[in-house]
Amino acid sequence: MQRIKKGDTVEVIAGKDLGERGEVLTVYNKDNRVAIQGINILKKHQKARQAGNRQVAAQIVEFEGPIHLSNVMLVCPKCDKKTRIGYKIRQDGKKVRVCKQCDAEIE
């Protein structure tokens, strides 16, 4: 089970965007990285190119660059604090993530 999933709110704890919060857009499991909305904005210069029957002009594209998982912490939806994650197994046998600060289940 993953500690951080798509749609979670996380806070950056290291790097140029220290203290910023955002929603996880994508999780790259092989690289242990996450892309967070509005954080680590990078620019890519693209050349003019042919796309089908039309010409696409040269442009500068901004996108969210991936950040290593060790540089972010999950924000608990109940207590609104950055927290470590624990796990519990419910009575029905389902494994769930748990906030270490307030013991609330994180869905």
N, C-alpha and C. Protein backbone atom coordinates (compact mmCIF):
# COMPACT_ATOMS: atom_id res chain seq x y z
N MET A 1 0.85 -1.19 0.00
CA MET A 1 0.00 0.00 0.00
C MET A 1 0.89 1.25 0.00
N GLN A 2 0.50 2.22 -0.79
CA GLN A 2 1.28 3.45 -0.91
C GLN A 2 0.99 4.40 0.24
N ARG A 3 2.00 5.13 0.64
CA ARG A 3 1.81 6.14 1.68
C ARG A 3 1.13 7.38 1.13
N ILE A 4 1.49 7.77 -0.09
CA ILE A 4 0.90 8.96 -0.72
C ILE A 4 0.24 8.52 -2.02
N LYS A 5 -0.99 8.98 -2.22
CA LYS A 5 -1.76 8.59 -3.40
C LYS A 5 -2.21 9.83 -4.17
N LYS A 6 -2.65 9.62 -5.39
CA LYS A 6 -3.19 10.69 -6.21
C LYS A 6 -4.40 11.31 -5.51
N GLY A 7 -4.45 12.64 -5.46
CA GLY A 7 -5.56 13.33 -4.82
C GLY A 7 -5.29 13.75 -3.39
N ASP A 8 -4.22 13.22 -2.76
CA ASP A 8 -3.87 13.61 -1.39
C ASP A 8 -3.33 15.04 -1.37
N THR A 9 -3.50 15.71 -0.25
CA THR A 9 -2.88 17.01 -0.04
C THR A 9 -1.57 16.78 0.70
N VAL A 10 -0.49 17.36 0.18
CA VAL A 10 0.83 17.19 0.79
C VAL A 10 1.48 18.55 1.01
N GLU A 11 2.47 18.57 1.91
CA GLU A 11 3.25 19.77 2.17
C GLU A 11 4.71 19.46 1.87
N VAL A 12 5.38 20.40 1.20
CA VAL A 12 6.79 20.23 0.87
C VAL A 12 7.62 20.55 2.11
N ILE A 13 8.54 19.64 2.48
CA ILE A 13 9.35 19.83 3.68
C ILE A 13 10.81 20.11 3.36
N ALA A 14 11.19 20.12 2.08
CA ALA A 14 12.57 20.41 1.69
C ALA A 14 12.58 20.93 0.26
N GLY A 15 13.52 21.81 -0.03
CA GLY A 15 13.67 22.31 -1.40
C GLY A 15 13.19 23.74 -1.54
N LYS A 16 13.13 24.20 -2.80
CA LYS A 16 12.82 25.61 -3.06
C LYS A 16 11.38 25.97 -2.73
N ASP A 17 10.47 25.01 -2.70
CA ASP A 17 9.06 25.27 -2.40
C ASP A 17 8.70 24.88 -0.97
N LEU A 18 9.65 25.00 -0.05
CA LEU A 18 9.47 24.61 1.34
C LEU A 18 8.24 25.27 1.95
N GLY A 19 7.38 24.45 2.59
CA GLY A 19 6.19 24.97 3.27
C GLY A 19 4.95 25.08 2.40
N GLU A 20 5.08 24.89 1.10
CA GLU A 20 3.94 25.00 0.18
C GLU A 20 3.10 23.72 0.27
N ARG A 21 1.79 23.89 0.06
CA ARG A 21 0.87 22.75 0.04
C ARG A 21 0.22 22.64 -1.33
N GLY A 22 -0.10 21.42 -1.72
CA GLY A 22 -0.77 21.21 -2.99
C GLY A 22 -1.31 19.79 -3.07
N GLU A 23 -2.09 19.57 -4.12
CA GLU A 23 -2.71 18.26 -4.35
C GLU A 23 -1.83 17.44 -5.28
N VAL A 24 -1.69 16.16 -4.99
CA VAL A 24 -0.88 15.25 -5.79
C VAL A 24 -1.61 14.98 -7.10
N LEU A 25 -0.92 15.26 -8.23
CA LEU A 25 -1.50 15.01 -9.55
C LEU A 25 -1.17 13.60 -10.04
N THR A 26 0.10 13.22 -9.91
CA THR A 26 0.52 11.88 -10.34
C THR A 26 1.58 11.35 -9.38
N VAL A 27 1.63 10.02 -9.28
CA VAL A 27 2.64 9.35 -8.47
C VAL A 27 3.46 8.47 -9.40
N TYR A 28 4.78 8.66 -9.37
CA TYR A 28 5.69 7.86 -10.18
C TYR A 28 6.33 6.83 -9.25
N ASN A 29 5.77 5.62 -9.21
CA ASN A 29 6.20 4.59 -8.26
C ASN A 29 7.63 4.12 -8.48
N LYS A 30 8.03 3.94 -9.72
CA LYS A 30 9.38 3.44 -10.01
C LYS A 30 10.45 4.42 -9.55
N ASP A 31 10.17 5.72 -9.68
CA ASP A 31 11.16 6.74 -9.33
C ASP A 31 10.98 7.29 -7.92
N ASN A 32 9.93 6.86 -7.20
CA ASN A 32 9.59 7.39 -5.88
C ASN A 32 9.44 8.90 -5.90
N ARG A 33 8.66 9.39 -6.85
CA ARG A 33 8.44 10.83 -7.01
C ARG A 33 6.96 11.12 -7.18
N VAL A 34 6.59 12.37 -6.91
CA VAL A 34 5.21 12.82 -7.10
C VAL A 34 5.22 14.17 -7.80
N ALA A 35 4.19 14.43 -8.60
CA ALA A 35 3.96 15.74 -9.20
C ALA A 35 2.83 16.40 -8.42
N ILE A 36 3.07 17.64 -7.98
CA ILE A 36 2.11 18.33 -7.12
C ILE A 36 1.63 19.59 -7.83
N GLN A 37 0.33 19.83 -7.79
CA GLN A 37 -0.29 20.95 -8.48
C GLN A 37 0.27 22.28 -7.95
N GLY A 38 0.83 23.08 -8.87
CA GLY A 38 1.32 24.43 -8.55
C GLY A 38 2.67 24.47 -7.87
N ILE A 39 3.37 23.35 -7.75
CA ILE A 39 4.66 23.30 -7.06
C ILE A 39 5.71 22.73 -8.01
N ASN A 40 6.93 23.27 -7.89
CA ASN A 40 8.07 22.88 -8.72
C ASN A 40 7.75 23.09 -10.20
N ILE A 41 7.32 24.30 -10.53
CA ILE A 41 6.97 24.65 -11.91
C ILE A 41 8.23 24.76 -12.75
N LEU A 42 8.30 23.99 -13.83
CA LEU A 42 9.42 24.01 -14.75
C LEU A 42 8.95 24.50 -16.10
N LYS A 43 9.91 25.00 -16.91
CA LYS A 43 9.58 25.47 -18.26
C LYS A 43 10.32 24.63 -19.28
N LYS A 44 9.61 24.29 -20.35
CA LYS A 44 10.20 23.52 -21.44
C LYS A 44 10.01 24.32 -22.73
N HIS A 45 11.08 24.53 -23.46
CA HIS A 45 11.01 25.23 -24.74
C HIS A 45 10.75 24.20 -25.84
N GLN A 46 9.70 24.41 -26.62
CA GLN A 46 9.36 23.48 -27.70
C GLN A 46 9.52 24.15 -29.05
N LYS A 47 10.11 23.43 -29.98
CA LYS A 47 10.29 23.94 -31.34
C LYS A 47 8.96 23.89 -32.09
N ALA A 48 8.88 24.68 -33.17
CA ALA A 48 7.71 24.61 -34.05
C ALA A 48 7.70 23.23 -34.70
N ARG A 49 6.50 22.67 -34.88
CA ARG A 49 6.42 21.32 -35.44
C ARG A 49 5.12 21.14 -36.20
N GLN A 50 5.08 20.08 -36.96
CA GLN A 50 3.89 19.72 -37.73
C GLN A 50 3.10 18.71 -36.91
N ALA A 51 1.81 18.99 -36.66
CA ALA A 51 0.94 18.07 -35.94
C ALA A 51 -0.25 17.75 -36.83
N GLY A 52 -0.14 16.65 -37.56
CA GLY A 52 -1.20 16.30 -38.50
C GLY A 52 -1.16 17.23 -39.69
N ASN A 53 -2.30 17.93 -39.93
CA ASN A 53 -2.37 18.85 -41.07
C ASN A 53 -2.05 20.29 -40.69
N ARG A 54 -1.84 20.55 -39.40
CA ARG A 54 -1.63 21.94 -39.00
C ARG A 54 -0.23 22.15 -38.42
N GLN A 55 0.21 23.38 -38.44
CA GLN A 55 1.51 23.78 -37.92
C GLN A 55 1.34 24.29 -36.48
N VAL A 56 2.13 23.78 -35.55
CA VAL A 56 2.10 24.24 -34.16
C VAL A 56 3.30 25.16 -33.97
N ALA A 57 3.04 26.37 -33.46
CA ALA A 57 4.10 27.37 -33.29
C ALA A 57 5.03 26.98 -32.14
N ALA A 58 6.23 27.55 -32.16
CA ALA A 58 7.16 27.37 -31.05
C ALA A 58 6.57 28.01 -29.80
N GLN A 59 6.82 27.40 -28.65
CA GLN A 59 6.22 27.91 -27.41
C GLN A 59 7.03 27.49 -26.21
N ILE A 60 6.76 28.13 -25.08
CA ILE A 60 7.35 27.75 -23.81
C ILE A 60 6.22 27.16 -22.96
N VAL A 61 6.38 25.90 -22.59
CA VAL A 61 5.35 25.17 -21.85
C VAL A 61 5.76 25.09 -20.39
N GLU A 62 4.85 25.43 -19.48
CA GLU A 62 5.10 25.28 -18.05
C GLU A 62 4.41 24.02 -17.56
N PHE A 63 5.10 23.27 -16.68
CA PHE A 63 4.53 22.04 -16.14
C PHE A 63 5.08 21.79 -14.74
N GLU A 64 4.39 20.93 -13.98
CA GLU A 64 4.81 20.58 -12.63
C GLU A 64 5.84 19.47 -12.72
N GLY A 65 7.04 19.75 -12.25
CA GLY A 65 8.10 18.75 -12.23
C GLY A 65 7.92 17.81 -11.04
N PRO A 66 8.41 16.58 -11.14
CA PRO A 66 8.27 15.63 -10.03
C PRO A 66 9.21 15.97 -8.87
N ILE A 67 8.76 15.68 -7.65
CA ILE A 67 9.51 15.88 -6.42
C ILE A 67 9.66 14.53 -5.74
N HIS A 68 10.81 14.28 -5.13
CA HIS A 68 11.03 13.01 -4.46
C HIS A 68 10.09 12.87 -3.25
N LEU A 69 9.64 11.65 -3.02
CA LEU A 69 8.70 11.38 -1.92
C LEU A 69 9.25 11.77 -0.55
N SER A 70 10.57 11.71 -0.38
CA SER A 70 11.15 12.05 0.91
C SER A 70 11.07 13.53 1.21
N ASN A 71 10.75 14.35 0.22
CA ASN A 71 10.66 15.80 0.41
C ASN A 71 9.24 16.30 0.62
N VAL A 72 8.28 15.39 0.76
CA VAL A 72 6.90 15.79 1.02
C VAL A 72 6.32 14.97 2.17
N MET A 73 5.35 15.56 2.87
CA MET A 73 4.62 14.86 3.92
C MET A 73 3.14 15.04 3.69
N LEU A 74 2.39 14.01 4.00
CA LEU A 74 0.95 14.04 3.86
C LEU A 74 0.33 14.98 4.89
N VAL A 75 -0.69 15.73 4.48
CA VAL A 75 -1.44 16.59 5.40
C VAL A 75 -2.72 15.85 5.77
N CYS A 76 -2.92 15.67 7.06
CA CYS A 76 -4.10 14.96 7.55
C CYS A 76 -5.35 15.80 7.27
N PRO A 77 -6.38 15.22 6.65
CA PRO A 77 -7.60 15.98 6.37
C PRO A 77 -8.37 16.37 7.63
N LYS A 78 -8.20 15.63 8.72
CA LYS A 78 -8.94 15.92 9.95
C LYS A 78 -8.26 17.01 10.79
N CYS A 79 -6.96 16.82 11.12
CA CYS A 79 -6.28 17.77 12.00
C CYS A 79 -5.52 18.86 11.24
N ASP A 80 -5.44 18.76 9.91
CA ASP A 80 -4.81 19.75 9.03
C ASP A 80 -3.34 20.00 9.39
N LYS A 81 -2.62 18.96 9.83
CA LYS A 81 -1.20 19.04 10.13
C LYS A 81 -0.46 18.07 9.24
N LYS A 82 0.80 18.40 8.91
CA LYS A 82 1.60 17.42 8.18
C LYS A 82 1.94 16.29 9.15
N THR A 83 1.89 15.07 8.66
CA THR A 83 1.98 13.92 9.55
C THR A 83 2.66 12.74 8.89
N ARG A 84 3.15 11.85 9.71
CA ARG A 84 3.63 10.57 9.23
C ARG A 84 2.42 9.63 9.11
N ILE A 85 2.63 8.55 8.37
CA ILE A 85 1.53 7.64 8.09
C ILE A 85 1.76 6.32 8.81
N GLY A 86 0.70 5.80 9.39
CA GLY A 86 0.72 4.46 9.95
C GLY A 86 -0.35 3.63 9.26
N TYR A 87 -0.40 2.37 9.58
CA TYR A 87 -1.40 1.48 8.99
C TYR A 87 -2.13 0.70 10.07
N LYS A 88 -3.41 0.47 9.84
CA LYS A 88 -4.21 -0.39 10.71
C LYS A 88 -5.04 -1.31 9.83
N ILE A 89 -5.37 -2.46 10.38
CA ILE A 89 -6.25 -3.39 9.68
C ILE A 89 -7.59 -3.37 10.39
N ARG A 90 -8.63 -3.01 9.66
CA ARG A 90 -9.98 -2.93 10.23
C ARG A 90 -10.52 -4.32 10.54
N GLN A 91 -11.69 -4.33 11.19
CA GLN A 91 -12.36 -5.59 11.51
C GLN A 91 -12.73 -6.37 10.25
N ASP A 92 -13.06 -5.63 9.17
CA ASP A 92 -13.45 -6.31 7.92
C ASP A 92 -12.24 -6.79 7.12
N GLY A 93 -11.02 -6.57 7.65
CA GLY A 93 -9.81 -7.07 6.98
C GLY A 93 -9.17 -6.09 6.03
N LYS A 94 -9.72 -4.89 5.91
CA LYS A 94 -9.17 -3.91 4.98
C LYS A 94 -8.06 -3.11 5.66
N LYS A 95 -6.94 -2.93 4.96
CA LYS A 95 -5.81 -2.17 5.48
C LYS A 95 -6.01 -0.70 5.13
N VAL A 96 -5.91 0.20 6.12
CA VAL A 96 -6.13 1.63 5.89
C VAL A 96 -4.96 2.44 6.44
N ARG A 97 -4.76 3.63 5.85
CA ARG A 97 -3.74 4.55 6.34
C ARG A 97 -4.28 5.31 7.54
N VAL A 98 -3.39 5.62 8.49
CA VAL A 98 -3.80 6.28 9.73
C VAL A 98 -2.84 7.44 10.01
N CYS A 99 -3.39 8.57 10.45
CA CYS A 99 -2.61 9.73 10.87
C CYS A 99 -1.94 9.43 12.19
N LYS A 100 -0.64 9.65 12.29
CA LYS A 100 0.09 9.41 13.54
C LYS A 100 -0.17 10.49 14.58
N GLN A 101 -0.67 11.67 14.15
CA GLN A 101 -0.94 12.76 15.07
C GLN A 101 -2.26 12.55 15.82
N CYS A 102 -3.32 12.27 15.07
CA CYS A 102 -4.66 12.23 15.68
C CYS A 102 -5.35 10.87 15.57
N ASP A 103 -4.70 9.87 15.02
CA ASP A 103 -5.24 8.51 14.85
C ASP A 103 -6.48 8.44 13.95
N ALA A 104 -6.67 9.42 13.08
CA ALA A 104 -7.80 9.39 12.16
C ALA A 104 -7.45 8.55 10.93
N GLU A 105 -8.44 7.84 10.41
CA GLU A 105 -8.24 7.08 9.19
C GLU A 105 -8.19 8.02 8.00
N ILE A 106 -7.29 7.75 7.07
CA ILE A 106 -7.15 8.56 5.86
C ILE A 106 -7.59 7.71 4.68
N GLU A 107 -8.63 8.15 4.01
CA GLU A 107 -9.16 7.40 2.87
C GLU A 107 -8.47 7.79 1.59
